[in-house]
Amino acid sequence: MAAEFWRFAEIGAALMKLHIEYEKQKEYPLERRETGKLNWRMEKMALSKDKSKLRYNEFLTLSGIPAEAYEYRLGNRSALEWVVDQYRVSTDARSGIVNDPNREDDPEYIVRLVGQVVTVSVETVRLVRELAGLEIEQV
């Protein structure tokens, strides 16, 4: 019983660290298909119908996104779907303020973030599955 308790605690700590330090995680090894002129600027990303590929822009497509990446959900969508939806260039209709997530000082930030979010999602699913296999005796 004590060993399983400590395994619960270890997994909880690993989940906490994984999520708090999401920007320090290694990028998931997605395949990159680059075509044309080098361009890290992104206007709007799009997932393929089967969600195994992400069209970053005309220059870059990322593929090999594992199905497990979609099992970790934030409300009604996965973390990756949230990033794809939120990280886009947009202009507020009322104020005219442009929201541009591209970073001039770090042009590959969004591509790196996508890989890190996939890693966090896959690892979260793995750890939660491990939690599900543990049992604590009822007293």
C-alpha atoms as a PDB file:
ATOM      1  CA  MET A   1       0.000   0.000   0.000  1.00  0.00           C
ATOM      2  CA  ALA A   2       2.771   2.464   0.893  1.00  0.00           C
ATOM      3  CA  ALA A   3       4.626   1.683  -2.344  1.00  0.00           C
ATOM      4  CA  GLU A   4       1.531   2.445  -4.418  1.00  0.00           C
ATOM      5  CA  PHE A   5       0.942   5.675  -2.478  1.00  0.00           C
ATOM      6  CA  TRP A   6       4.468   6.826  -3.263  1.00  0.00           C
ATOM      7  CA  ARG A   7       4.013   5.879  -6.930  1.00  0.00           C
ATOM      8  CA  PHE A   8       0.859   8.047  -7.007  1.00  0.00           C
ATOM      9  CA  ALA A   9       2.891  10.893  -5.495  1.00  0.00           C
ATOM     10  CA  GLU A  10       5.745  10.407  -8.003  1.00  0.00           C
ATOM     11  CA  ILE A  11       3.359  10.441 -10.961  1.00  0.00           C
ATOM     12  CA  GLY A  12       1.588  13.514  -9.579  1.00  0.00           C
ATOM     13  CA  ALA A  13       4.932  15.305  -9.231  1.00  0.00           C
ATOM     14  CA  ALA A  14       5.920  14.278 -12.758  1.00  0.00           C
ATOM     15  CA  LEU A  15       2.620  15.610 -14.139  1.00  0.00           C
ATOM     16  CA  MET A  16       3.051  18.870 -12.261  1.00  0.00           C
ATOM     17  CA  LYS A  17       6.598  19.362 -13.528  1.00  0.00           C
ATOM     18  CA  LEU A  18       5.618  18.405 -17.076  1.00  0.00           C
ATOM     19  CA  HIS A  19       2.864  21.025 -17.182  1.00  0.00           C
ATOM     20  CA  ILE A  20       4.587  23.821 -15.265  1.00  0.00           C
ATOM     21  CA  GLU A  21       7.722  23.453 -17.387  1.00  0.00           C
ATOM     22  CA  TYR A  22       5.975  22.787 -20.718  1.00  0.00           C
ATOM     23  CA  GLU A  23       8.232  25.244 -22.557  1.00  0.00           C
ATOM     24  CA  LYS A  24      11.313  23.346 -21.353  1.00  0.00           C
ATOM     25  CA  GLN A  25      10.142  19.979 -22.706  1.00  0.00           C
ATOM     26  CA  LYS A  26      11.827  18.315 -25.646  1.00  0.00           C
ATOM     27  CA  GLU A  27       9.982  18.651 -28.924  1.00  0.00           C
ATOM     28  CA  TYR A  28       8.150  15.542 -30.056  1.00  0.00           C
ATOM     29  CA  PRO A  29      10.017  14.207 -33.118  1.00  0.00           C
ATOM     30  CA  LEU A  30       7.543  15.341 -35.768  1.00  0.00           C
ATOM     31  CA  GLU A  31       8.509  14.965 -39.404  1.00  0.00           C
ATOM     32  CA  ARG A  32       9.079  18.274 -41.192  1.00  0.00           C
ATOM     33  CA  ARG A  33       8.309  18.776 -44.860  1.00  0.00           C
ATOM     34  CA  GLU A  34       9.733  22.048 -46.080  1.00  0.00           C
ATOM     35  CA  THR A  35       8.930  23.386 -49.535  1.00  0.00           C
ATOM     36  CA  GLY A  36       9.946  26.617 -51.195  1.00  0.00           C
ATOM     37  CA  LYS A  37      11.584  29.571 -49.538  1.00  0.00           C
ATOM     38  CA  LEU A  38      12.455  29.444 -45.818  1.00  0.00           C
ATOM     39  CA  ASN A  39       9.649  31.145 -43.884  1.00  0.00           C
ATOM     40  CA  TRP A  40       8.852  30.776 -40.180  1.00  0.00           C
ATOM     41  CA  ARG A  41       6.032  33.343 -40.215  1.00  0.00           C
ATOM     42  CA  MET A  42       2.641  31.806 -39.513  1.00  0.00           C
ATOM     43  CA  GLU A  43      -0.753  33.360 -40.239  1.00  0.00           C
ATOM     44  CA  LYS A  44      -3.094  30.442 -39.461  1.00  0.00           C
ATOM     45  CA  MET A  45      -2.290  26.767 -38.895  1.00  0.00           C
ATOM     46  CA  ALA A  46      -4.560  23.921 -39.988  1.00  0.00           C
ATOM     47  CA  LEU A  47      -4.789  20.242 -39.079  1.00  0.00           C
ATOM     48  CA  SER A  48      -5.411  17.603 -41.738  1.00  0.00           C
ATOM     49  CA  LYS A  49      -8.743  15.757 -41.620  1.00  0.00           C
ATOM     50  CA  ASP A  50      -7.126  12.760 -39.914  1.00  0.00           C
ATOM     51  CA  LYS A  51      -5.197  15.137 -37.577  1.00  0.00           C
ATOM     52  CA  SER A  52      -1.871  13.418 -38.244  1.00  0.00           C
ATOM     53  CA  LYS A  53      -0.466  16.497 -40.057  1.00  0.00           C
ATOM     54  CA  LEU A  54      -0.317  20.186 -39.288  1.00  0.00           C
ATOM     55  CA  ARG A  55       0.046  22.744 -42.055  1.00  0.00           C
ATOM     56  CA  TYR A  56       2.065  25.471 -40.365  1.00  0.00           C
ATOM     57  CA  ASN A  57       2.330  27.670 -43.466  1.00  0.00           C
ATOM     58  CA  GLU A  58       3.110  27.366 -47.194  1.00  0.00           C
ATOM     59  CA  PHE A  59       6.710  26.481 -46.324  1.00  0.00           C
ATOM     60  CA  LEU A  60       6.264  23.910 -43.537  1.00  0.00           C
ATOM     61  CA  THR A  61       4.049  20.912 -42.810  1.00  0.00           C
ATOM     62  CA  LEU A  62       4.548  18.833 -39.664  1.00  0.00           C
ATOM     63  CA  SER A  63       3.466  15.191 -39.738  1.00  0.00           C
ATOM     64  CA  GLY A  64       3.557  12.127 -37.535  1.00  0.00           C
ATOM     65  CA  ILE A  65       1.313  13.582 -34.827  1.00  0.00           C
ATOM     66  CA  PRO A  66       0.339  10.588 -32.681  1.00  0.00           C
ATOM     67  CA  ALA A  67      -3.313   9.927 -31.843  1.00  0.00           C
ATOM     68  CA  GLU A  68      -2.454  10.082 -28.121  1.00  0.00           C
ATOM     69  CA  ALA A  69      -1.765  13.801 -28.516  1.00  0.00           C
ATOM     70  CA  TYR A  70      -5.530  14.290 -28.854  1.00  0.00           C
ATOM     71  CA  GLU A  71      -6.437  12.234 -25.786  1.00  0.00           C
ATOM     72  CA  TYR A  72      -5.201  14.933 -23.390  1.00  0.00           C
ATOM     73  CA  ARG A  73      -8.008  17.499 -23.456  1.00  0.00           C
ATOM     74  CA  LEU A  74      -8.549  21.014 -22.176  1.00  0.00           C
ATOM     75  CA  GLY A  75     -12.313  21.141 -21.952  1.00  0.00           C
ATOM     76  CA  ASN A  76     -13.783  20.062 -25.271  1.00  0.00           C
ATOM     77  CA  ARG A  77     -10.562  20.043 -27.319  1.00  0.00           C
ATOM     78  CA  SER A  78      -7.013  18.786 -27.106  1.00  0.00           C
ATOM     79  CA  ALA A  79      -4.117  21.017 -26.093  1.00  0.00           C
ATOM     80  CA  LEU A  80      -2.791  20.876 -29.660  1.00  0.00           C
ATOM     81  CA  GLU A  81      -6.168  21.895 -31.094  1.00  0.00           C
ATOM     82  CA  TRP A  82      -6.209  24.787 -28.608  1.00  0.00           C
ATOM     83  CA  VAL A  83      -2.777  25.978 -29.821  1.00  0.00           C
ATOM     84  CA  VAL A  84      -3.831  25.685 -33.478  1.00  0.00           C
ATOM     85  CA  ASP A  85      -6.976  27.698 -32.750  1.00  0.00           C
ATOM     86  CA  GLN A  86      -5.389  30.384 -30.552  1.00  0.00           C
ATOM     87  CA  TYR A  87      -2.040  30.888 -32.293  1.00  0.00           C
ATOM     88  CA  ARG A  88      -3.094  32.790 -35.408  1.00  0.00           C
ATOM     89  CA  VAL A  89      -2.778  36.333 -36.638  1.00  0.00           C
ATOM     90  CA  SER A  90      -6.045  38.165 -36.078  1.00  0.00           C
ATOM     91  CA  THR A  91      -7.394  41.700 -35.910  1.00  0.00           C
ATOM     92  CA  ASP A  92      -9.992  42.801 -33.383  1.00  0.00           C
ATOM     93  CA  ALA A  93     -12.962  44.187 -35.329  1.00  0.00           C
ATOM     94  CA  ARG A  94     -13.775  46.945 -32.814  1.00  0.00           C
ATOM     95  CA  SER A  95     -10.335  48.225 -31.871  1.00  0.00           C
ATOM     96  CA  GLY A  96      -8.328  47.282 -34.939  1.00  0.00           C
ATOM     97  CA  ILE A  97      -5.625  45.836 -32.656  1.00  0.00           C
ATOM     98  CA  VAL A  98      -3.626  43.089 -34.361  1.00  0.00           C
ATOM     99  CA  ASN A  99      -2.826  39.973 -32.351  1.00  0.00           C
ATOM    100  CA  ASP A 100       0.294  38.400 -33.861  1.00  0.00           C
ATOM    101  CA  PRO A 101       1.835  35.439 -31.979  1.00  0.00           C
ATOM    102  CA  ASN A 102       4.922  35.387 -34.244  1.00  0.00           C
ATOM    103  CA  ARG A 103       8.096  36.453 -32.456  1.00  0.00           C
ATOM    104  CA  GLU A 104      10.688  38.412 -34.385  1.00  0.00           C
ATOM    105  CA  ASP A 105      13.330  37.583 -31.754  1.00  0.00           C
ATOM    106  CA  ASP A 106      12.500  33.832 -31.894  1.00  0.00           C
ATOM    107  CA  PRO A 107      10.977  33.003 -35.303  1.00  0.00           C
ATOM    108  CA  GLU A 108      10.743  29.235 -34.651  1.00  0.00           C
ATOM    109  CA  TYR A 109       8.935  29.658 -31.299  1.00  0.00           C
ATOM    110  CA  ILE A 110       5.516  28.462 -32.520  1.00  0.00           C
ATOM    111  CA  VAL A 111       6.944  25.409 -34.329  1.00  0.00           C
ATOM    112  CA  ARG A 112       8.885  24.506 -31.181  1.00  0.00           C
ATOM    113  CA  LEU A 113       5.772  25.077 -29.032  1.00  0.00           C
ATOM    114  CA  VAL A 114       3.759  22.677 -31.206  1.00  0.00           C
ATOM    115  CA  GLY A 115       6.387  19.955 -30.670  1.00  0.00           C
ATOM    116  CA  GLN A 116       6.474  20.636 -26.929  1.00  0.00           C
ATOM    117  CA  VAL A 117       2.673  20.545 -26.633  1.00  0.00           C
ATOM    118  CA  VAL A 118       2.629  17.177 -28.419  1.00  0.00           C
ATOM    119  CA  THR A 119       5.276  15.881 -25.978  1.00  0.00           C
ATOM    120  CA  VAL A 120       3.347  17.155 -22.947  1.00  0.00           C
ATOM    121  CA  SER A 121       0.104  15.654 -24.268  1.00  0.00           C
ATOM    122  CA  VAL A 122       1.579  12.217 -25.030  1.00  0.00           C
ATOM    123  CA  GLU A 123       3.434  12.088 -21.701  1.00  0.00           C
ATOM    124  CA  THR A 124       0.320  13.187 -19.795  1.00  0.00           C
ATOM    125  CA  VAL A 125      -1.700  10.384 -21.376  1.00  0.00           C
ATOM    126  CA  ARG A 126       1.047   7.860 -20.550  1.00  0.00           C
ATOM    127  CA  LEU A 127       1.255   8.974 -16.902  1.00  0.00           C
ATOM    128  CA  VAL A 128      -2.530   9.053 -16.412  1.00  0.00           C
ATOM    129  CA  ARG A 129      -2.773   5.526 -17.826  1.00  0.00           C
ATOM    130  CA  GLU A 130      -0.136   4.456 -15.327  1.00  0.00           C
ATOM    131  CA  LEU A 131      -2.172   6.069 -12.528  1.00  0.00           C
ATOM    132  CA  ALA A 132      -5.244   4.158 -13.647  1.00  0.00           C
ATOM    133  CA  GLY A 133      -3.361   0.890 -13.164  1.00  0.00           C
ATOM    134  CA  LEU A 134      -2.559   1.621  -9.524  1.00  0.00           C
ATOM    135  CA  GLU A 135      -4.844   0.671  -6.677  1.00  0.00           C
ATOM    136  CA  ILE A 136      -4.969   2.010  -3.136  1.00  0.00           C
ATOM    137  CA  GLU A 137      -6.541  -0.268  -0.614  1.00  0.00           C
ATOM    138  CA  GLN A 138      -9.699   1.173   1.000  1.00  0.00           C
ATOM    139  CA  VAL A 139      -9.586   1.326   4.805  1.00  0.00           C
END
